[in-house]
Amino acid sequence: MGRTYLVEEGVGQYLTELSTKVKPYVTGLLIGQCSPQRDYVLRAVRTPPKEQQQEESVGPPKLASLDEEWIITHASQVSRMLPGGLLVLGVFMVATPELAKDGQNALRKLIFSVEKSLSKRRLWKLAEEEVSDRAALQICSATKKVVCRTYDVQDPKSSAKPADWKYQSALTASWLALGCTVNVNIHIPLLATSPNHDLEKNTKNGLNRWSKQIEDSVFLINGQVKDEDTELLEGQKKLRGNAQPSTQFSDVKVLTQLCQGASARSTATVQVCSGSINLRGAVKCRAYVHNNKPKVKEAIQALKRDIINTLSDRCEILFEDLILNEGPQKKNFEREYHVLPQRLFVPVAGSSVMLSDYKFGDEAAGEIQERFVEMLDQPVQAEDIHIAEDIST
């Protein structure tokens, strides 16, 4: 028995629209949430066209021209815009009938490439019991026939398994949200022996150590410590038959341990350092979880990952910005202050879920709107952009 994908009805309309414009094929990402019983698909997002792509290709259509690198880059950018609980669940292709045969092989290759690229950037590992199946959705642009298969991305030899693809209206209209503010004060020493004072690598190592602290933290949901295996909604009234987007919001406090337990011995190391990086500020974190009897453990895991992702993504964005504006050759080791980009949230129509992005202080609303159209194929009104934070350094 294969996996079941419950899919927001709007995704079906979006894919149908794409199939009317396709020539000869279009690829994209599926965004949603895994759960032990079934997976939920919230959005489908086409791969943005490359500026230099030719509209008309000469000769018969071929999948050989598929730009894997471009699709992987798009997946990396999109994954930064997903709050806790959401991830890239797979890839899709809408193609003409003559490409149907090669389509499945191309999708299989893409699924593994995208997952490999995304997992390299993560500072957390998939838990053993977690779902590692990812979807390959193929749609014929002529017959509109939908074929959904899954591959286990933890097994390179994995073969295709059939999966059910079922549309549902108002699927994410009353999902549950968890939010917290985490005060960050991370001190990362720069070793004198590290080659070329590799700031990015040192920062990642420091964030790796900090992420383990987050993993070991205690999470209070609405002021209570809850057993991991209990239902998140236990003792609360569940919203029924409500098609209007409405969020049940849980406020979470994160308690990090100040020191190791008495049983764990610690040894002090003396290292020669040439400087240090300090990351300071308060970050707003948010996670969403399906409303089909979610467990506390699912919700906390989603929020933990959002806390870790939001800081590591911002550091990545800052380094990319510095390289773009100052070039990699700049080696000035005076005291410098850089402002990490602020987090913002944008609603998804017909859903209680919000998507995320980051902005530097001098970025205008128009630039953010352009990015949402390019990356997520979603128009955004300026008044719908909610800046969540003060500026952090």
Protein backbone atom coordinates (compact mmCIF):
# COMPACT_ATOMS: atom_id res chain seq x y z
CA MET A 1 0.00 0.00 0.00
CA GLY A 2 1.54 3.31 -1.10
CA ARG A 3 1.38 6.67 0.63
CA THR A 4 -1.62 8.97 0.39
CA TYR A 5 -1.20 12.63 -0.53
CA LEU A 6 -4.04 14.92 0.52
CA VAL A 7 -3.80 17.94 -1.74
CA GLU A 8 -5.24 21.44 -1.44
CA GLU A 9 -7.81 21.93 -4.22
CA GLY A 10 -6.08 25.10 -5.40
CA VAL A 11 -3.03 22.98 -6.33
CA GLY A 12 -5.18 21.08 -8.85
CA GLN A 13 -6.35 24.34 -10.44
CA TYR A 14 -2.78 25.63 -10.57
CA LEU A 15 -1.50 22.46 -12.28
CA THR A 16 -4.41 22.52 -14.77
CA GLU A 17 -3.55 26.12 -15.69
CA LEU A 18 0.10 25.17 -16.19
CA SER A 19 -0.87 22.28 -18.46
CA THR A 20 -2.65 24.67 -20.85
CA LYS A 21 0.52 26.77 -21.25
CA VAL A 22 3.07 23.95 -21.35
CA LYS A 23 5.51 23.72 -24.26
CA PRO A 24 6.84 21.00 -24.24
CA TYR A 25 7.17 20.58 -20.43
CA VAL A 26 7.29 22.47 -17.14
CA THR A 27 8.79 21.32 -13.82
CA GLY A 28 8.26 22.49 -10.27
CA LEU A 29 8.22 21.70 -6.56
CA LEU A 30 5.56 20.30 -4.24
CA ILE A 31 5.41 21.96 -0.83
CA GLY A 32 3.71 20.50 2.21
CA GLN A 33 4.03 18.41 5.34
CA CYS A 34 4.81 14.76 6.08
CA SER A 35 3.03 12.86 8.81
CA PRO A 36 3.20 9.17 9.77
CA GLN A 37 -0.25 8.42 8.29
CA ARG A 38 -0.34 10.63 5.19
CA ASP A 39 1.27 13.64 3.55
CA TYR A 40 -0.33 17.02 2.90
CA VAL A 41 0.37 19.13 -0.19
CA LEU A 42 -0.21 22.84 0.35
CA ARG A 43 1.34 24.37 -2.78
CA ALA A 44 2.84 23.48 -6.15
CA VAL A 45 5.34 25.99 -7.53
CA ARG A 46 6.70 25.96 -11.06
CA THR A 47 10.43 26.36 -11.69
CA PRO A 48 10.98 30.02 -12.65
CA PRO A 49 11.97 30.43 -16.31
CA LYS A 50 15.58 31.39 -16.91
CA GLU A 51 16.03 34.79 -18.55
CA GLN A 52 18.14 33.42 -21.36
CA GLN A 53 15.84 30.47 -22.05
CA GLN A 54 14.63 30.43 -25.61
CA GLU A 55 10.85 30.39 -25.96
CA GLU A 56 10.92 28.24 -29.07
CA SER A 57 13.37 25.36 -29.29
CA VAL A 58 14.23 23.97 -32.68
CA GLY A 59 13.69 20.25 -33.37
CA PRO A 60 11.67 17.64 -31.46
CA PRO A 61 11.19 18.26 -27.70
CA LYS A 62 13.68 16.52 -25.42
CA LEU A 63 14.14 16.29 -21.66
CA ALA A 64 17.90 16.42 -22.11
CA SER A 65 17.69 20.21 -21.85
CA LEU A 66 16.34 19.95 -18.28
CA ASP A 67 18.47 22.30 -16.15
CA GLU A 68 18.99 20.29 -12.95
CA GLU A 69 21.23 22.92 -11.34
CA TRP A 70 18.59 25.63 -11.82
CA ILE A 71 15.86 23.43 -10.27
CA ILE A 72 18.10 22.63 -7.27
CA THR A 73 18.87 26.34 -6.76
CA HIS A 74 15.14 27.10 -6.85
CA ALA A 75 14.48 24.36 -4.24
CA SER A 76 17.15 25.86 -1.95
CA GLN A 77 15.64 29.34 -2.23
CA VAL A 78 12.09 28.05 -1.66
CA SER A 79 13.09 25.97 1.38
CA ARG A 80 14.29 29.18 3.07
CA MET A 81 10.79 30.61 2.65
CA LEU A 82 9.07 27.73 4.44
CA PRO A 83 8.30 28.01 8.16
CA GLY A 84 8.69 25.02 10.51
CA GLY A 85 6.63 21.98 9.54
CA LEU A 86 6.71 22.69 5.79
CA LEU A 87 9.23 21.21 3.39
CA VAL A 88 9.83 20.37 -0.27
CA LEU A 89 7.82 17.14 -0.53
CA GLY A 90 8.74 16.29 -4.08
CA VAL A 91 8.82 17.45 -7.69
CA PHE A 92 6.28 17.57 -10.50
CA MET A 93 6.37 17.66 -14.25
CA VAL A 94 3.62 18.60 -16.68
CA ALA A 95 4.66 17.29 -20.10
CA THR A 96 3.39 16.45 -23.56
CA PRO A 97 2.52 12.77 -24.22
CA GLU A 98 5.71 12.12 -26.22
CA LEU A 99 7.82 12.97 -23.16
CA ALA A 100 5.84 10.75 -20.76
CA LYS A 101 8.24 7.80 -21.00
CA ASP A 102 11.39 9.78 -20.11
CA GLY A 103 9.55 11.93 -17.55
CA GLN A 104 9.63 9.42 -14.71
CA ASN A 105 13.40 8.88 -14.98
CA ALA A 106 13.97 12.63 -15.04
CA LEU A 107 11.76 13.09 -11.94
CA ARG A 108 13.53 10.30 -10.04
CA LYS A 109 16.90 11.92 -10.71
CA LEU A 110 15.56 15.33 -9.65
CA ILE A 111 14.09 14.03 -6.38
CA PHE A 112 17.44 12.64 -5.24
CA SER A 113 19.42 15.69 -6.40
CA VAL A 114 17.08 18.15 -4.68
CA GLU A 115 17.06 16.15 -1.41
CA LYS A 116 20.87 15.82 -1.44
CA SER A 117 21.28 19.57 -1.89
CA LEU A 118 18.72 20.46 0.82
CA SER A 119 20.07 17.97 3.38
CA LYS A 120 23.62 19.36 2.94
CA ARG A 121 22.44 22.75 4.18
CA ARG A 122 20.44 21.47 7.17
CA LEU A 123 21.90 21.57 10.64
CA TRP A 124 19.56 18.76 11.74
CA LYS A 125 19.16 15.14 10.68
CA LEU A 126 15.98 13.28 9.75
CA ALA A 127 14.85 11.16 12.71
CA GLU A 128 14.86 7.39 12.18
CA GLU A 129 11.07 7.03 12.28
CA GLU A 130 10.53 9.98 9.94
CA VAL A 131 8.94 9.65 6.53
CA SER A 132 11.67 9.75 3.87
CA ASP A 133 9.44 9.15 0.85
CA ARG A 134 9.27 12.00 -1.66
CA ALA A 135 6.73 12.42 -4.43
CA ALA A 136 7.23 12.39 -8.20
CA LEU A 137 4.09 13.75 -9.85
CA GLN A 138 3.67 13.48 -13.60
CA ILE A 139 0.79 15.09 -15.50
CA CYS A 140 0.07 14.65 -19.19
CA SER A 141 -0.71 18.03 -20.71
CA ALA A 142 -3.02 16.47 -23.33
CA THR A 143 -5.06 13.92 -21.32
CA LYS A 144 -4.57 15.64 -17.88
CA LYS A 145 -3.84 12.14 -16.47
CA VAL A 146 -2.07 12.31 -13.07
CA VAL A 147 0.51 9.70 -12.04
CA CYS A 148 1.98 9.96 -8.54
CA ARG A 149 4.86 7.78 -7.37
CA THR A 150 7.19 7.95 -4.38
CA TYR A 151 10.88 7.24 -3.85
CA ASP A 152 12.66 6.70 -0.54
CA VAL A 153 15.39 9.36 -0.56
CA GLN A 154 17.34 7.54 2.17
CA ASP A 155 17.83 4.60 -0.19
CA PRO A 156 19.75 5.42 -3.40
CA LYS A 157 18.52 2.17 -5.00
CA SER A 158 14.89 2.93 -4.17
CA SER A 159 12.38 1.99 -6.86
CA ALA A 160 9.08 3.75 -7.54
CA LYS A 161 6.05 2.96 -5.39
CA PRO A 162 2.53 4.01 -6.42
CA ALA A 163 0.83 6.71 -4.30
CA ASP A 164 -2.70 8.10 -4.02
CA TRP A 165 -3.21 11.76 -5.00
CA LYS A 166 -6.49 13.11 -3.54
CA TYR A 167 -7.78 16.67 -3.69
CA GLN A 168 -9.52 18.19 -0.69
CA SER A 169 -11.03 21.64 -0.18
CA ALA A 170 -9.93 23.89 2.73
CA LEU A 171 -7.25 21.33 3.63
CA THR A 172 -5.09 23.78 5.58
CA ALA A 173 -7.81 26.25 6.62
CA SER A 174 -7.51 25.40 10.31
CA TRP A 175 -4.00 24.09 10.79
CA LEU A 176 -2.37 24.70 14.15
CA ALA A 177 0.38 27.27 14.60
CA LEU A 178 3.11 27.43 17.23
CA GLY A 179 5.23 30.50 17.77
CA CYS A 180 8.09 31.57 20.00
CA THR A 181 10.71 34.27 20.37
CA VAL A 182 14.23 32.98 20.97
CA ASN A 183 16.89 35.30 22.38
CA VAL A 184 20.15 34.47 20.67
CA ASN A 185 23.60 35.25 22.05
CA ILE A 186 26.10 32.98 20.35
CA HIS A 187 29.85 33.46 20.71
CA ILE A 188 31.90 31.70 18.02
CA PRO A 189 35.72 31.76 18.41
CA LEU A 190 37.78 32.04 15.21
CA LEU A 191 40.78 29.74 15.51
CA ALA A 192 44.13 31.19 14.49
CA THR A 193 44.83 27.95 12.61
CA SER A 194 41.71 28.06 10.45
CA PRO A 195 42.69 28.74 6.82
CA ASN A 196 41.91 32.20 5.43
CA HIS A 197 39.75 32.97 8.46
CA ASP A 198 36.87 31.14 6.78
CA LEU A 199 34.04 33.07 8.43
CA GLU A 200 31.26 31.10 6.79
CA LYS A 201 32.67 27.72 7.82
CA ASN A 202 33.38 28.87 11.38
CA THR A 203 29.89 30.33 11.68
CA LYS A 204 28.36 27.05 10.51
CA ASN A 205 30.42 25.10 13.08
CA GLY A 206 29.30 27.48 15.83
CA LEU A 207 25.66 27.20 14.75
CA ASN A 208 26.03 23.42 14.73
CA ARG A 209 26.99 23.46 18.41
CA TRP A 210 24.16 25.88 19.21
CA SER A 211 21.62 23.74 17.30
CA LYS A 212 22.41 20.81 19.61
CA GLN A 213 21.48 23.09 22.54
CA ILE A 214 18.14 23.84 20.87
CA GLU A 215 17.56 20.11 20.28
CA ASP A 216 18.11 19.48 24.02
CA SER A 217 15.92 22.38 25.19
CA VAL A 218 12.66 22.09 27.11
CA PHE A 219 9.59 23.46 25.30
CA LEU A 220 6.64 24.84 27.28
CA ILE A 221 3.43 24.91 25.21
CA ASN A 222 1.05 27.55 26.59
CA GLY A 223 3.02 27.40 29.84
CA GLN A 224 2.92 23.61 30.19
CA VAL A 225 5.38 20.77 29.68
CA LYS A 226 3.44 18.19 27.68
CA ASP A 227 4.21 14.54 27.16
CA GLU A 228 5.63 14.02 23.64
CA ASP A 229 3.18 11.26 22.77
CA THR A 230 0.02 13.10 23.81
CA GLU A 231 -2.14 14.88 21.28
CA LEU A 232 -1.36 18.55 20.86
CA LEU A 233 -5.05 19.45 21.09
CA GLU A 234 -5.80 17.31 24.14
CA GLY A 235 -8.12 19.24 26.41
CA GLN A 236 -8.84 21.90 23.77
CA LYS A 237 -11.98 22.30 21.66
CA LYS A 238 -11.32 21.28 18.09
CA LEU A 239 -12.64 23.54 15.34
CA ARG A 240 -15.01 21.63 13.09
CA GLY A 241 -16.49 22.35 9.68
CA ASN A 242 -14.89 25.77 9.55
CA ALA A 243 -13.86 26.61 6.00
CA GLN A 244 -12.65 30.10 6.93
CA PRO A 245 -8.90 30.21 7.64
CA SER A 246 -8.55 30.32 11.39
CA THR A 247 -5.47 29.54 13.38
CA GLN A 248 -5.31 27.89 16.75
CA PHE A 249 -2.13 29.47 18.04
CA SER A 250 0.09 28.03 20.77
CA ASP A 251 2.61 30.25 22.48
CA VAL A 252 5.84 28.38 23.22
CA LYS A 253 8.67 29.17 25.63
CA VAL A 254 12.07 27.62 24.97
CA LEU A 255 14.19 26.81 28.04
CA THR A 256 17.80 26.06 27.15
CA GLN A 257 20.05 24.30 29.62
CA LEU A 258 22.69 26.55 31.12
CA CYS A 259 25.16 23.75 31.73
CA GLN A 260 25.57 20.02 31.31
CA GLY A 261 24.12 17.68 33.90
CA ALA A 262 26.31 16.58 36.79
CA SER A 263 26.79 13.15 35.18
CA ALA A 264 28.39 14.56 32.03
CA ARG A 265 32.05 15.38 32.51
CA SER A 266 33.34 18.32 30.57
CA THR A 267 36.94 19.03 29.69
CA ALA A 268 38.23 22.52 29.01
CA THR A 269 40.22 23.09 25.83
CA VAL A 270 42.57 25.99 25.28
CA GLN A 271 42.65 27.21 21.69
CA VAL A 272 44.54 30.08 20.12
CA CYS A 273 42.02 32.44 18.53
CA SER A 274 42.44 35.36 16.18
CA GLY A 275 38.97 36.80 16.72
CA SER A 276 35.37 35.87 17.25
CA ILE A 277 31.89 36.18 15.82
CA ASN A 278 28.98 37.16 18.03
CA LEU A 279 25.41 36.62 16.95
CA ARG A 280 22.91 38.56 19.05
CA GLY A 281 19.23 39.37 18.87
CA ALA A 282 15.72 38.01 19.25
CA VAL A 283 14.35 35.81 16.48
CA LYS A 284 10.68 35.08 15.82
CA CYS A 285 10.00 31.46 14.99
CA ARG A 286 6.88 29.78 13.75
CA ALA A 287 5.74 26.27 12.87
CA TYR A 288 2.54 24.78 11.48
CA VAL A 289 1.11 21.33 12.01
CA HIS A 290 -1.85 19.49 10.43
CA ASN A 291 -5.05 19.22 12.48
CA ASN A 292 -5.53 15.44 12.22
CA LYS A 293 -4.70 14.51 15.85
CA PRO A 294 -1.11 15.83 15.74
CA LYS A 295 1.24 14.65 18.48
CA VAL A 296 3.14 17.10 20.72
CA LYS A 297 6.38 15.57 19.43
CA GLU A 298 5.54 16.49 15.79
CA ALA A 299 4.77 20.09 16.75
CA ILE A 300 7.91 20.57 18.86
CA GLN A 301 10.12 18.99 16.19
CA ALA A 302 8.70 21.40 13.58
CA LEU A 303 9.37 24.40 15.84
CA LYS A 304 12.90 23.25 16.75
CA ARG A 305 13.75 23.00 13.07
CA ASP A 306 12.34 26.44 12.37
CA ILE A 307 14.51 27.95 15.14
CA ILE A 308 17.63 26.29 13.73
CA ASN A 309 16.79 27.00 10.06
CA THR A 310 15.90 30.66 10.52
CA LEU A 311 19.28 31.51 12.02
CA SER A 312 21.42 29.43 9.66
CA ASP A 313 19.45 30.69 6.60
CA ARG A 314 19.96 34.31 7.65
CA CYS A 315 23.69 33.82 8.07
CA GLU A 316 23.83 32.23 4.61
CA ILE A 317 21.86 35.15 3.13
CA LEU A 318 24.19 37.66 4.83
CA PHE A 319 27.34 35.94 3.51
CA GLU A 320 25.85 35.79 0.00
CA ASP A 321 25.05 39.50 0.26
CA LEU A 322 28.58 40.36 1.46
CA ILE A 323 30.21 38.36 -1.35
CA LEU A 324 27.88 40.01 -3.87
CA ASN A 325 28.53 43.55 -2.61
CA GLU A 326 32.09 43.38 -1.31
CA GLY A 327 33.64 40.44 -3.12
CA PRO A 328 35.26 37.40 -1.46
CA GLN A 329 38.69 39.06 -1.34
CA LYS A 330 37.75 41.54 1.43
CA LYS A 331 39.81 40.58 4.51
CA ASN A 332 39.34 43.40 6.98
CA PHE A 333 39.51 42.04 10.52
CA GLU A 334 38.56 45.19 12.37
CA ARG A 335 35.41 45.10 14.48
CA GLU A 336 32.46 45.05 12.12
CA TYR A 337 28.72 45.03 12.69
CA HIS A 338 26.42 43.42 10.17
CA VAL A 339 22.67 43.40 10.51
CA LEU A 340 21.11 40.03 9.79
CA PRO A 341 18.00 40.22 7.60
CA GLN A 342 14.66 40.51 9.43
CA ARG A 343 12.00 37.87 9.16
CA LEU A 344 8.64 38.55 7.60
CA PHE A 345 5.51 36.47 7.05
CA VAL A 346 2.98 36.48 4.23
CA PRO A 347 -0.42 34.70 4.27
CA VAL A 348 -1.40 31.94 1.85
CA ALA A 349 -4.89 32.52 0.39
CA GLY A 350 -7.51 30.14 1.80
CA SER A 351 -5.13 28.76 4.42
CA SER A 352 -4.18 29.50 8.01
CA VAL A 353 -0.52 28.94 7.06
CA MET A 354 1.87 31.83 6.38
CA LEU A 355 5.04 31.67 4.30
CA SER A 356 8.24 33.39 5.34
CA ASP A 357 11.03 35.48 3.86
CA TYR A 358 13.84 37.79 4.95
CA LYS A 359 14.56 41.43 4.18
CA PHE A 360 17.51 43.73 4.70
CA GLY A 361 16.71 47.15 6.13
CA ASP A 362 17.06 48.94 2.79
CA GLU A 363 14.90 46.51 0.81
CA ALA A 364 11.62 47.93 -0.47
CA ALA A 365 8.29 46.08 -0.36
CA GLY A 366 8.41 45.87 -4.16
CA GLU A 367 11.55 43.70 -4.06
CA ILE A 368 9.88 41.28 -1.63
CA GLN A 369 6.77 41.14 -3.83
CA GLU A 370 8.94 40.36 -6.87
CA ARG A 371 10.70 37.56 -4.97
CA PHE A 372 7.38 35.92 -4.00
CA VAL A 373 6.23 36.00 -7.62
CA GLU A 374 9.53 34.61 -8.92
CA MET A 375 10.14 31.93 -6.25
CA LEU A 376 6.62 30.92 -5.22
CA ASP A 377 4.56 32.15 -8.17
CA GLN A 378 2.41 34.04 -5.66
CA PRO A 379 1.39 37.69 -5.98
CA VAL A 380 1.56 39.48 -2.60
CA GLN A 381 -0.05 42.78 -1.57
CA ALA A 382 2.31 45.19 0.23
CA GLU A 383 -0.13 45.42 3.16
CA ASP A 384 0.02 41.61 3.61
CA ILE A 385 3.75 41.66 4.39
CA HIS A 386 4.09 41.31 8.17
CA ILE A 387 7.55 42.21 9.50
CA ALA A 388 7.95 40.00 12.57
CA GLU A 389 11.09 41.35 14.24
CA ASP A 390 13.29 44.22 15.27
CA ILE A 391 16.72 44.36 13.70
CA SER A 392 19.32 41.85 15.03
CA THR A 393 23.11 41.92 14.59
